[in-house]
Amino acid sequence: MSQAENNPDQEAAKNQRHNDRMKRKKEIIDAHIASADQEKGLMIVLTGNGKGKSSSAFGMVARSVGHGMKVGVCQFLKSRTDTGEEAFFGKLDKVEWHVLGDGFTWDTQDRAADIATSERGWAIAEKMLNDPSYDLVVLDELTYLLSYNYLDKDTVLDALQSRPAMQHVVVTGRAAIAELCDIADTISEIKDVKHAYKDGIQAQKGIDL
């Protein structure tokens, strides 16, 4: 015999308390939803040392494409063109995908070349930020270009703030500078708790690539 059958009155009281809590919670959530009456292009920063920043951004790419929206993706620093996300999204008419890097700084070991590559990549990104036909622009690993001073900070921040009113932007990368966070609407910091790489496990297709 279950505990509920042994104590039907206690179980009924517990269920009522749960229903009361959920009712109060729903009233609060509904009130917040009702008060959110603004519509605007959002700027989202995904930062932190944990895995999943770019993956989260590409999830929003999928959502946007599902709604028939036009998306531009600029991948700074990264140089490989054999990732699963590019293989999938790069085929879609609604997605314009650019791999703009020469590899991470510890690969290139050439600051002057990194700056030149960053500036060429930024020229493409800046055109997207000036074009209202793009509903979503993803600037993958842009944070590094700002924290390393590869790009002029004020130029980048001005472009982000003066973009079309309904254009969404997602910026990813570790160590997002304070000025970037100040102008963001949403910031998620992804924490590194445990990573397979530290146990000597290679990057895996479908998970990391």
Foldseek 3Di string as FASTA:
>chain_A
DDPCVVPVPVVVVVVVVVVVVVVVVVVVVVVVVVVPPDAWAFEEEEAADAPDQVVVVLVVVVVCVVVVAAEEEQAEQDDDCPAPSCVPQVVDPRYHYYDQHPHHCVVVVDLVVSLVSVVVSVVVVLVVQADPSHQEYEYEAVQVCVVVVSDDPVVVLVSNVPGDTRHYYYYYYYDRDPVSVVPGPYYDYDYHDDDVVVVVDDDDHPHRD
